[in-house]
Full PDB file with SEQRES, HELIX, SHEET, SSBOND, CRYST1, ORIGX, SCALE, CONECT and MASTER records, all heavy atoms in Angstrom:
SEQRES   1 A   41  GLU SER GLN SER LEU THR SER ALA ASP THR VAL LEU GLY          
SEQRES   2 A   41  THR ALA TRP GLN VAL THR VAL ASN VAL THR LYS SER GLY          
SEQRES   3 A   41  GLY VAL PRO LEU GLU SER ALA VAL PRO SER GLU GLY ALA          
SEQRES   4 A   41  THR GLY                                                      
HELIX    1 AA1 SER A    2  SER A    7  1                                   6    
HELIX    2 AA2 GLN A   17  SER A   25  1                                   9    
CRYST1    1.000    1.000    1.000  90.00  90.00  90.00 P 1           1          
ORIGX1      1.000000  0.000000  0.000000        0.00000                         
ORIGX2      0.000000  1.000000  0.000000        0.00000                         
ORIGX3      0.000000  0.000000  1.000000        0.00000                         
SCALE1      1.000000  0.000000  0.000000        0.00000                         
SCALE2      0.000000  1.000000  0.000000        0.00000                         
SCALE3      0.000000  0.000000  1.000000        0.00000                         
ATOM      1  N   GLU A   1     -54.024  35.741  45.169  1.00  0.00           N  
ATOM      2  CA  GLU A   1     -53.093  36.618  44.462  1.00  0.00           C  
ATOM      3  C   GLU A   1     -53.855  37.760  43.804  1.00  0.00           C  
ATOM      4  O   GLU A   1     -53.416  38.915  43.818  1.00  0.00           O  
ATOM      5  CB  GLU A   1     -52.297  35.851  43.405  1.00  0.00           C  
ATOM      6  CG  GLU A   1     -51.258  36.753  42.734  1.00  0.00           C  
ATOM      7  CD  GLU A   1     -50.613  36.148  41.504  1.00  0.00           C  
ATOM      8  OE1 GLU A   1     -51.223  35.268  40.876  1.00  0.00           O  
ATOM      9  OE2 GLU A   1     -49.504  36.586  41.150  1.00  0.00           O  
ATOM     10  N   SER A   2     -55.004  37.451  43.230  1.00  0.00           N  
ATOM     11  CA  SER A   2     -55.818  38.484  42.597  1.00  0.00           C  
ATOM     12  C   SER A   2     -56.223  39.553  43.611  1.00  0.00           C  
ATOM     13  O   SER A   2     -56.188  40.753  43.317  1.00  0.00           O  
ATOM     14  CB  SER A   2     -57.063  37.854  41.963  1.00  0.00           C  
ATOM     15  OG  SER A   2     -57.924  38.835  41.432  1.00  0.00           O  
ATOM     16  N   GLN A   3     -56.595  39.098  44.801  1.00  0.00           N  
ATOM     17  CA  GLN A   3     -56.968  40.044  45.854  1.00  0.00           C  
ATOM     18  C   GLN A   3     -55.802  40.946  46.230  1.00  0.00           C  
ATOM     19  O   GLN A   3     -55.971  42.151  46.456  1.00  0.00           O  
ATOM     20  CB  GLN A   3     -57.462  39.277  47.082  1.00  0.00           C  
ATOM     21  CG  GLN A   3     -58.780  38.543  46.874  1.00  0.00           C  
ATOM     22  CD  GLN A   3     -59.102  37.579  48.006  1.00  0.00           C  
ATOM     23  OE1 GLN A   3     -58.365  37.468  48.983  1.00  0.00           O  
ATOM     24  NE2 GLN A   3     -60.222  36.873  47.879  1.00  0.00           N  
ATOM     25  N   SER A   4     -54.614  40.364  46.292  1.00  0.00           N  
ATOM     26  CA  SER A   4     -53.425  41.133  46.644  1.00  0.00           C  
ATOM     27  C   SER A   4     -53.097  42.174  45.586  1.00  0.00           C  
ATOM     28  O   SER A   4     -52.730  43.316  45.895  1.00  0.00           O  
ATOM     29  CB  SER A   4     -52.235  40.190  46.835  1.00  0.00           C  
ATOM     30  OG  SER A   4     -51.070  40.900  47.176  1.00  0.00           O  
ATOM     31  N   LEU A   5     -53.248  41.794  44.328  1.00  0.00           N  
ATOM     32  CA  LEU A   5     -53.014  42.739  43.239  1.00  0.00           C  
ATOM     33  C   LEU A   5     -54.098  43.821  43.213  1.00  0.00           C  
ATOM     34  O   LEU A   5     -53.821  44.986  42.922  1.00  0.00           O  
ATOM     35  CB  LEU A   5     -52.974  42.004  41.902  1.00  0.00           C  
ATOM     36  CG  LEU A   5     -51.745  41.124  41.658  1.00  0.00           C  
ATOM     37  CD1 LEU A   5     -51.991  40.176  40.484  1.00  0.00           C  
ATOM     38  CD2 LEU A   5     -50.509  41.979  41.389  1.00  0.00           C  
ATOM     39  N   THR A   6     -55.312  43.435  43.538  1.00  0.00           N  
ATOM     40  CA  THR A   6     -56.417  44.389  43.550  1.00  0.00           C  
ATOM     41  C   THR A   6     -56.213  45.449  44.636  1.00  0.00           C  
ATOM     42  O   THR A   6     -56.444  46.647  44.409  1.00  0.00           O  
ATOM     43  CB  THR A   6     -57.755  43.660  43.784  1.00  0.00           C  
ATOM     44  OG1 THR A   6     -57.979  42.741  42.710  1.00  0.00           O  
ATOM     45  CG2 THR A   6     -58.909  44.642  43.852  1.00  0.00           C  
ATOM     46  N   SER A   7     -55.765  45.020  45.797  1.00  0.00           N  
ATOM     47  CA  SER A   7     -55.541  45.950  46.907  1.00  0.00           C  
ATOM     48  C   SER A   7     -54.223  46.699  46.785  1.00  0.00           C  
ATOM     49  O   SER A   7     -53.955  47.616  47.560  1.00  0.00           O  
ATOM     50  CB  SER A   7     -55.571  45.190  48.233  1.00  0.00           C  
ATOM     51  OG  SER A   7     -54.477  44.278  48.308  1.00  0.00           O  
ATOM     52  N   ALA A   8     -53.392  46.286  45.809  1.00  0.00           N  
ATOM     53  CA  ALA A   8     -52.057  46.862  45.594  1.00  0.00           C  
ATOM     54  C   ALA A   8     -51.094  46.528  46.733  1.00  0.00           C  
ATOM     55  O   ALA A   8     -50.063  47.185  46.890  1.00  0.00           O  
ATOM     56  CB  ALA A   8     -52.115  48.366  45.369  1.00  0.00           C  
ATOM     57  N   ASP A   9     -51.414  45.489  47.519  1.00  0.00           N  
ATOM     58  CA  ASP A   9     -50.428  44.988  48.469  1.00  0.00           C  
ATOM     59  C   ASP A   9     -49.223  44.458  47.709  1.00  0.00           C  
ATOM     60  O   ASP A   9     -48.087  44.523  48.190  1.00  0.00           O  
ATOM     61  CB  ASP A   9     -51.036  43.877  49.329  1.00  0.00           C  
ATOM     62  CG  ASP A   9     -52.044  44.412  50.334  1.00  0.00           C  
ATOM     63  OD1 ASP A   9     -51.974  45.616  50.663  1.00  0.00           O  
ATOM     64  OD2 ASP A   9     -52.907  43.637  50.787  1.00  0.00           O  
ATOM     65  N   THR A  10     -49.495  43.911  46.522  1.00  0.00           N  
ATOM     66  CA  THR A  10     -48.435  43.574  45.580  1.00  0.00           C  
ATOM     67  C   THR A  10     -48.771  44.244  44.248  1.00  0.00           C  
ATOM     68  O   THR A  10     -49.948  44.463  43.931  1.00  0.00           O  
ATOM     69  CB  THR A  10     -48.299  42.056  45.374  1.00  0.00           C  
ATOM     70  OG1 THR A  10     -49.557  41.511  44.960  1.00  0.00           O  
ATOM     71  CG2 THR A  10     -47.866  41.381  46.668  1.00  0.00           C  
ATOM     72  N   VAL A  11     -47.733  44.548  43.472  1.00  0.00           N  
ATOM     73  CA  VAL A  11     -47.971  45.258  42.210  1.00  0.00           C  
ATOM     74  C   VAL A  11     -47.387  44.531  41.006  1.00  0.00           C  
ATOM     75  O   VAL A  11     -47.677  44.896  39.872  1.00  0.00           O  
ATOM     76  CB  VAL A  11     -47.411  46.696  42.266  1.00  0.00           C  
ATOM     77  CG1 VAL A  11     -48.107  47.499  43.356  1.00  0.00           C  
ATOM     78  CG2 VAL A  11     -45.893  46.711  42.464  1.00  0.00           C  
ATOM     79  N   LEU A  12     -46.588  43.488  41.249  1.00  0.00           N  
ATOM     80  CA  LEU A  12     -46.094  42.692  40.124  1.00  0.00           C  
ATOM     81  C   LEU A  12     -45.670  41.322  40.627  1.00  0.00           C  
ATOM     82  O   LEU A  12     -45.418  41.121  41.819  1.00  0.00           O  
ATOM     83  CB  LEU A  12     -44.939  43.390  39.402  1.00  0.00           C  
ATOM     84  CG  LEU A  12     -43.598  43.584  40.112  1.00  0.00           C  
ATOM     85  CD1 LEU A  12     -42.691  42.372  39.950  1.00  0.00           C  
ATOM     86  CD2 LEU A  12     -42.883  44.800  39.551  1.00  0.00           C  
ATOM     87  N   GLY A  13     -45.613  40.377  39.703  1.00  0.00           N  
ATOM     88  CA  GLY A  13     -45.187  39.040  40.074  1.00  0.00           C  
ATOM     89  C   GLY A  13     -45.493  38.009  39.012  1.00  0.00           C  
ATOM     90  O   GLY A  13     -45.925  38.339  37.905  1.00  0.00           O  
ATOM     91  N   THR A  14     -45.264  36.747  39.357  1.00  0.00           N  
ATOM     92  CA  THR A  14     -45.615  35.651  38.468  1.00  0.00           C  
ATOM     93  C   THR A  14     -47.108  35.372  38.599  1.00  0.00           C  
ATOM     94  O   THR A  14     -47.664  35.476  39.696  1.00  0.00           O  
ATOM     95  CB  THR A  14     -44.841  34.374  38.829  1.00  0.00           C  
ATOM     96  OG1 THR A  14     -45.065  34.065  40.207  1.00  0.00           O  
ATOM     97  CG2 THR A  14     -43.361  34.565  38.590  1.00  0.00           C  
ATOM     98  N   ALA A  15     -47.734  35.000  37.498  1.00  0.00           N  
ATOM     99  CA  ALA A  15     -49.181  34.777  37.542  1.00  0.00           C  
ATOM    100  C   ALA A  15     -49.616  33.857  36.413  1.00  0.00           C  
ATOM    101  O   ALA A  15     -48.958  33.761  35.376  1.00  0.00           O  
ATOM    102  CB  ALA A  15     -49.937  36.102  37.445  1.00  0.00           C  
ATOM    103  N   TRP A  16     -50.745  33.201  36.643  1.00  0.00           N  
ATOM    104  CA  TRP A  16     -51.416  32.492  35.566  1.00  0.00           C  
ATOM    105  C   TRP A  16     -52.322  33.484  34.845  1.00  0.00           C  
ATOM    106  O   TRP A  16     -52.720  34.508  35.398  1.00  0.00           O  
ATOM    107  CB  TRP A  16     -52.257  31.353  36.132  1.00  0.00           C  
ATOM    108  CG  TRP A  16     -51.457  30.312  36.838  1.00  0.00           C  
ATOM    109  CD1 TRP A  16     -50.157  29.969  36.617  1.00  0.00           C  
ATOM    110  CD2 TRP A  16     -51.913  29.470  37.903  1.00  0.00           C  
ATOM    111  NE1 TRP A  16     -49.773  28.971  37.464  1.00  0.00           N  
ATOM    112  CE2 TRP A  16     -50.827  28.644  38.271  1.00  0.00           C  
ATOM    113  CE3 TRP A  16     -53.129  29.335  38.573  1.00  0.00           C  
ATOM    114  CZ2 TRP A  16     -50.923  27.682  39.283  1.00  0.00           C  
ATOM    115  CZ3 TRP A  16     -53.234  28.384  39.580  1.00  0.00           C  
ATOM    116  CH2 TRP A  16     -52.141  27.566  39.927  1.00  0.00           C  
ATOM    117  N   GLN A  17     -52.668  33.159  33.626  1.00  0.00           N  
ATOM    118  CA  GLN A  17     -53.536  34.047  32.862  1.00  0.00           C  
ATOM    119  C   GLN A  17     -54.898  34.215  33.522  1.00  0.00           C  
ATOM    120  O   GLN A  17     -55.508  35.277  33.463  1.00  0.00           O  
ATOM    121  CB  GLN A  17     -53.720  33.527  31.437  1.00  0.00           C  
ATOM    122  CG  GLN A  17     -54.454  34.482  30.515  1.00  0.00           C  
ATOM    123  CD  GLN A  17     -53.672  35.760  30.256  1.00  0.00           C  
ATOM    124  OE1 GLN A  17     -52.500  35.712  29.902  1.00  0.00           O  
ATOM    125  NE2 GLN A  17     -54.312  36.912  30.432  1.00  0.00           N  
ATOM    126  N   VAL A  18     -55.366  33.167  34.210  1.00  0.00           N  
ATOM    127  CA  VAL A  18     -56.655  33.276  34.881  1.00  0.00           C  
ATOM    128  C   VAL A  18     -56.623  34.360  35.951  1.00  0.00           C  
ATOM    129  O   VAL A  18     -57.603  35.075  36.166  1.00  0.00           O  
ATOM    130  CB  VAL A  18     -57.095  31.917  35.486  1.00  0.00           C  
ATOM    131  CG1 VAL A  18     -56.148  31.472  36.590  1.00  0.00           C  
ATOM    132  CG2 VAL A  18     -58.531  31.980  35.988  1.00  0.00           C  
ATOM    133  N   THR A  19     -55.479  34.509  36.628  1.00  0.00           N  
ATOM    134  CA  THR A  19     -55.336  35.571  37.631  1.00  0.00           C  
ATOM    135  C   THR A  19     -55.486  36.931  36.977  1.00  0.00           C  
ATOM    136  O   THR A  19     -56.174  37.826  37.487  1.00  0.00           O  
ATOM    137  CB  THR A  19     -53.963  35.487  38.314  1.00  0.00           C  
ATOM    138  OG1 THR A  19     -53.702  34.143  38.710  1.00  0.00           O  
ATOM    139  CG2 THR A  19     -53.896  36.413  39.519  1.00  0.00           C  
ATOM    140  N   VAL A  20     -54.832  37.086  35.839  1.00  0.00           N  
ATOM    141  CA  VAL A  20     -54.897  38.346  35.098  1.00  0.00           C  
ATOM    142  C   VAL A  20     -56.333  38.626  34.667  1.00  0.00           C  
ATOM    143  O   VAL A  20     -56.848  39.735  34.830  1.00  0.00           O  
ATOM    144  CB  VAL A  20     -53.954  38.305  33.875  1.00  0.00           C  
ATOM    145  CG1 VAL A  20     -54.048  39.602  33.078  1.00  0.00           C  
ATOM    146  CG2 VAL A  20     -52.514  38.054  34.321  1.00  0.00           C  
ATOM    147  N   ASN A  21     -56.992  37.602  34.122  1.00  0.00           N  
ATOM    148  CA  ASN A  21     -58.363  37.780  33.638  1.00  0.00           C  
ATOM    149  C   ASN A  21     -59.321  38.174  34.760  1.00  0.00           C  
ATOM    150  O   ASN A  21     -60.123  39.105  34.625  1.00  0.00           O  
ATOM    151  CB  ASN A  21     -58.855  36.478  32.990  1.00  0.00           C  
ATOM    152  CG  ASN A  21     -58.115  36.135  31.717  1.00  0.00           C  
ATOM    153  OD1 ASN A  21     -57.359  36.949  31.195  1.00  0.00           O  
ATOM    154  ND2 ASN A  21     -58.307  34.928  31.222  1.00  0.00           N  
ATOM    155  N   VAL A  22     -59.240  37.442  35.876  1.00  0.00           N  
ATOM    156  CA  VAL A  22     -60.136  37.716  37.004  1.00  0.00           C  
ATOM    157  C   VAL A  22     -59.885  39.111  37.564  1.00  0.00           C  
ATOM    158  O   VAL A  22     -60.824  39.866  37.860  1.00  0.00           O  
ATOM    159  CB  VAL A  22     -59.948  36.651  38.102  1.00  0.00           C  
ATOM    160  CG1 VAL A  22     -60.639  37.074  39.390  1.00  0.00           C  
ATOM    161  CG2 VAL A  22     -60.480  35.304  37.639  1.00  0.00           C  
ATOM    162  N   THR A  23     -58.622  39.479  37.703  1.00  0.00           N  
ATOM    163  CA  THR A  23     -58.277  40.774  38.292  1.00  0.00           C  
ATOM    164  C   THR A  23     -58.689  41.927  37.377  1.00  0.00           C  
ATOM    165  O   THR A  23     -59.267  42.919  37.837  1.00  0.00           O  
ATOM    166  CB  THR A  23     -56.768  40.845  38.576  1.00  0.00           C  
ATOM    167  OG1 THR A  23     -56.365  39.683  39.314  1.00  0.00           O  
ATOM    168  CG2 THR A  23     -56.423  42.084  39.389  1.00  0.00           C  
ATOM    169  N   LYS A  24     -58.440  41.784  36.090  1.00  0.00           N  
ATOM    170  CA  LYS A  24     -58.824  42.835  35.144  1.00  0.00           C  
ATOM    171  C   LYS A  24     -60.342  42.976  35.053  1.00  0.00           C  
ATOM    172  O   LYS A  24     -60.850  44.087  34.855  1.00  0.00           O  
ATOM    173  CB  LYS A  24     -58.229  42.543  33.764  1.00  0.00           C  
ATOM    174  CG  LYS A  24     -56.725  42.712  33.682  1.00  0.00           C  
ATOM    175  CD  LYS A  24     -56.182  42.430  32.291  1.00  0.00           C  
ATOM    176  CE  LYS A  24     -56.583  43.502  31.301  1.00  0.00           C  
ATOM    177  NZ  LYS A  24     -55.932  43.312  29.978  1.00  0.00           N  
ATOM    178  N   SER A  25     -61.051  41.866  35.215  1.00  0.00           N  
ATOM    179  CA  SER A  25     -62.513  41.932  35.139  1.00  0.00           C  
ATOM    180  C   SER A  25     -63.091  42.765  36.276  1.00  0.00           C  
ATOM    181  O   SER A  25     -64.212  43.252  36.182  1.00  0.00           O  
ATOM    182  CB  SER A  25     -63.115  40.526  35.168  1.00  0.00           C  
ATOM    183  OG  SER A  25     -62.951  39.928  36.443  1.00  0.00           O  
ATOM    184  N   GLY A  26     -62.302  42.929  37.347  1.00  0.00           N  
ATOM    185  CA  GLY A  26     -62.735  43.756  38.461  1.00  0.00           C  
ATOM    186  C   GLY A  26     -62.329  45.210  38.322  1.00  0.00           C  
ATOM    187  O   GLY A  26     -62.488  45.996  39.263  1.00  0.00           O  
ATOM    188  N   GLY A  27     -61.796  45.560  37.159  1.00  0.00           N  
ATOM    189  CA  GLY A  27     -61.435  46.946  36.898  1.00  0.00           C  
ATOM    190  C   GLY A  27     -60.018  47.333  37.279  1.00  0.00           C  
ATOM    191  O   GLY A  27     -59.646  48.511  37.195  1.00  0.00           O  
ATOM    192  N   VAL A  28     -59.210  46.373  37.674  1.00  0.00           N  
ATOM    193  CA  VAL A  28     -57.828  46.666  38.062  1.00  0.00           C  
ATOM    194  C   VAL A  28     -56.969  46.807  36.804  1.00  0.00           C  
ATOM    195  O   VAL A  28     -57.028  45.953  35.916  1.00  0.00           O  
ATOM    196  CB  VAL A  28     -57.264  45.548  38.964  1.00  0.00           C  
ATOM    197  CG1 VAL A  28     -55.815  45.846  39.342  1.00  0.00           C  
ATOM    198  CG2 VAL A  28     -58.117  45.396  40.213  1.00  0.00           C  
ATOM    199  N   PRO A  29     -56.181  47.872  36.682  1.00  0.00           N  
ATOM    200  CA  PRO A  29     -55.317  48.049  35.509  1.00  0.00           C  
ATOM    201  C   PRO A  29     -54.132  47.097  35.575  1.00  0.00           C  
ATOM    202  O   PRO A  29     -53.145  47.341  36.267  1.00  0.00           O  
ATOM    203  CB  PRO A  29     -54.873  49.514  35.615  1.00  0.00           C  
ATOM    204  CG  PRO A  29     -54.933  49.818  37.077  1.00  0.00           C  
ATOM    205  CD  PRO A  29     -56.076  49.018  37.624  1.00  0.00           C  
ATOM    206  N   LEU A  30     -54.231  45.986  34.867  1.00  0.00           N  
ATOM    207  CA  LEU A  30     -53.232  44.920  34.939  1.00  0.00           C  
ATOM    208  C   LEU A  30     -52.872  44.452  33.542  1.00  0.00           C  
ATOM    209  O   LEU A  30     -53.737  44.365  32.669  1.00  0.00           O  
ATOM    210  CB  LEU A  30     -53.804  43.744  35.748  1.00  0.00           C  
ATOM    211  CG  LEU A  30     -52.826  42.751  36.363  1.00  0.00           C  
ATOM    212  CD1 LEU A  30     -52.067  43.400  37.518  1.00  0.00           C  
ATOM    213  CD2 LEU A  30     -53.577  41.520  36.864  1.00  0.00           C  
ATOM    214  N   GLU A  31     -51.597  44.190  33.328  1.00  0.00           N  
ATOM    215  CA  GLU A  31     -51.142  43.615  32.062  1.00  0.00           C  
ATOM    216  C   GLU A  31     -50.198  42.467  32.364  1.00  0.00           C  
ATOM    217  O   GLU A  31     -49.739  42.291  33.502  1.00  0.00           O  
ATOM    218  CB  GLU A  31     -50.450  44.674  31.189  1.00  0.00           C  
ATOM    219  CG  GLU A  31     -51.400  45.701  30.602  1.00  0.00           C  
ATOM    220  CD  GLU A  31     -52.453  45.096  29.687  1.00  0.00           C  
ATOM    221  OE1 GLU A  31     -52.193  44.008  29.130  1.00  0.00           O  
ATOM    222  OE2 GLU A  31     -53.533  45.689  29.549  1.00  0.00           O  
ATOM    223  N   SER A  32     -49.883  41.689  31.333  1.00  0.00           N  
ATOM    224  CA  SER A  32     -48.990  40.550  31.514  1.00  0.00           C  
ATOM    225  C   SER A  32     -48.242  40.278  30.226  1.00  0.00           C  
ATOM    226  O   SER A  32     -48.651  40.731  29.144  1.00  0.00           O  
ATOM    227  CB  SER A  32     -49.792  39.315  31.921  1.00  0.00           C  
ATOM    228  OG  SER A  32     -50.711  38.962  30.902  1.00  0.00           O  
ATOM    229  N   ALA A  33     -47.155  39.531  30.336  1.00  0.00           N  
ATOM    230  CA  ALA A  33     -46.348  39.212  29.161  1.00  0.00           C  
ATOM    231  C   ALA A  33     -45.408  38.059  29.474  1.00  0.00           C  
ATOM    232  O   ALA A  33     -45.146  37.738  30.642  1.00  0.00           O  
ATOM    233  CB  ALA A  33     -45.545  40.435  28.724  1.00  0.00           C  
ATOM    234  N   VAL A  34     -44.906  37.428  28.412  1.00  0.00           N  
ATOM    235  CA  VAL A  34     -43.787  36.495  28.525  1.00  0.00           C  
ATOM    236  C   VAL A  34     -42.518  37.317  28.322  1.00  0.00           C  
ATOM    237  O   VAL A  34     -42.306  37.858  27.239  1.00  0.00           O  
ATOM    238  CB  VAL A  34     -43.864  35.373  27.476  1.00  0.00           C  
ATOM    239  CG1 VAL A  34     -42.600  34.521  27.507  1.00  0.00           C  
ATOM    240  CG2 VAL A  34     -45.097  34.502  27.701  1.00  0.00           C  
ATOM    241  N   PRO A  35     -41.687  37.467  29.345  1.00  0.00           N  
ATOM    242  CA  PRO A  35     -40.487  38.313  29.236  1.00  0.00           C  
ATOM    243  C   PRO A  35     -39.450  37.771  28.254  1.00  0.00           C  
ATOM    244  O   PRO A  35     -39.590  36.659  27.716  1.00  0.00           O  
ATOM    245  CB  PRO A  35     -39.942  38.322  30.669  1.00  0.00           C  
ATOM    246  CG  PRO A  35     -41.118  37.988  31.523  1.00  0.00           C  
ATOM    247  CD  PRO A  35     -41.907  37.001  30.708  1.00  0.00           C  
ATOM    248  N   SER A  36     -38.418  38.539  28.071  1.00  0.00           N  
ATOM    249  CA  SER A  36     -37.395  38.213  27.068  1.00  0.00           C  
ATOM    250  C   SER A  36     -36.689  36.891  27.341  1.00  0.00           C  
ATOM    251  O   SER A  36     -36.223  36.230  26.403  1.00  0.00           O  
ATOM    252  CB  SER A  36     -36.357  39.342  27.008  1.00  0.00           C  
ATOM    253  OG  SER A  36     -35.750  39.532  28.273  1.00  0.00           O  
ATOM    254  N   GLU A  37     -36.605  36.496  28.605  1.00  0.00           N  
ATOM    255  CA  GLU A  37     -35.906  35.249  28.940  1.00  0.00           C  
ATOM    256  C   GLU A  37     -36.756  34.012  28.693  1.00  0.00           C  
ATOM    257  O   GLU A  37     -36.275  32.884  28.800  1.00  0.00           O  
ATOM    258  CB  GLU A  37     -35.492  35.254  30.415  1.00  0.00           C  
ATOM    259  CG  GLU A  37     -34.548  36.379  30.808  1.00  0.00           C  
ATOM    260  CD  GLU A  37     -35.289  37.626  31.265  1.00  0.00           C  
ATOM    261  OE1 GLU A  37     -36.546  37.647  31.162  1.00  0.00           O  
ATOM    262  OE2 GLU A  37     -34.627  38.568  31.719  1.00  0.00           O  
ATOM    263  N   GLY A  38     -38.043  34.224  28.350  1.00  0.00           N  
ATOM    264  CA  GLY A  38     -38.955  33.102  28.213  1.00  0.00           C  
ATOM    265  C   GLY A  38     -39.715  32.875  29.501  1.00  0.00           C  
ATOM    266  O   GLY A  38     -39.708  33.717  30.398  1.00  0.00           O  
ATOM    267  N   ALA A  39     -40.360  31.729  29.618  1.00  0.00           N  
ATOM    268  CA  ALA A  39     -41.173  31.458  30.803  1.00  0.00           C  
ATOM    269  C   ALA A  39     -41.301  29.961  31.015  1.00  0.00           C  
ATOM    270  O   ALA A  39     -41.201  29.162  30.077  1.00  0.00           O  
ATOM    271  CB  ALA A  39     -42.564  32.073  30.644  1.00  0.00           C  
ATOM    272  N   THR A  40     -41.520  29.606  32.272  1.00  0.00           N  
ATOM    273  CA  THR A  40     -41.943  28.245  32.555  1.00  0.00           C  
ATOM    274  C   THR A  40     -43.438  28.162  32.246  1.00  0.00           C  
ATOM    275  O   THR A  40     -44.075  29.164  31.934  1.00  0.00           O  
ATOM    276  CB  THR A  40     -41.684  27.876  34.023  1.00  0.00           C  
ATOM    277  OG1 THR A  40     -42.406  28.775  34.876  1.00  0.00           O  
ATOM    278  CG2 THR A  40     -40.192  27.953  34.357  1.00  0.00           C  
ATOM    279  N   GLY A  41     -43.985  26.988  32.337  1.00  0.00           N  
ATOM    280  CA  GLY A  41     -45.394  26.845  32.020  1.00  0.00           C  
ATOM    281  C   GLY A  41     -45.893  25.463  32.362  1.00  0.00           C  
ATOM    282  O   GLY A  41     -45.180  24.659  32.974  1.00  0.00           O  
TER     283      GLY A  41                                                      
MASTER        0    0    0    2    0    0    0    6  282    1    0    4          
END                                                                             
């Protein structure tokens, strides 16, 4: 998933925080949040 976000084959989706951390560490401009409806976990 990180690779897909890095290449911009995908630009948004569900993710674990580790995905966000790994992807951002590679310089990809990525953010994350728990939306208004809440989240599974």
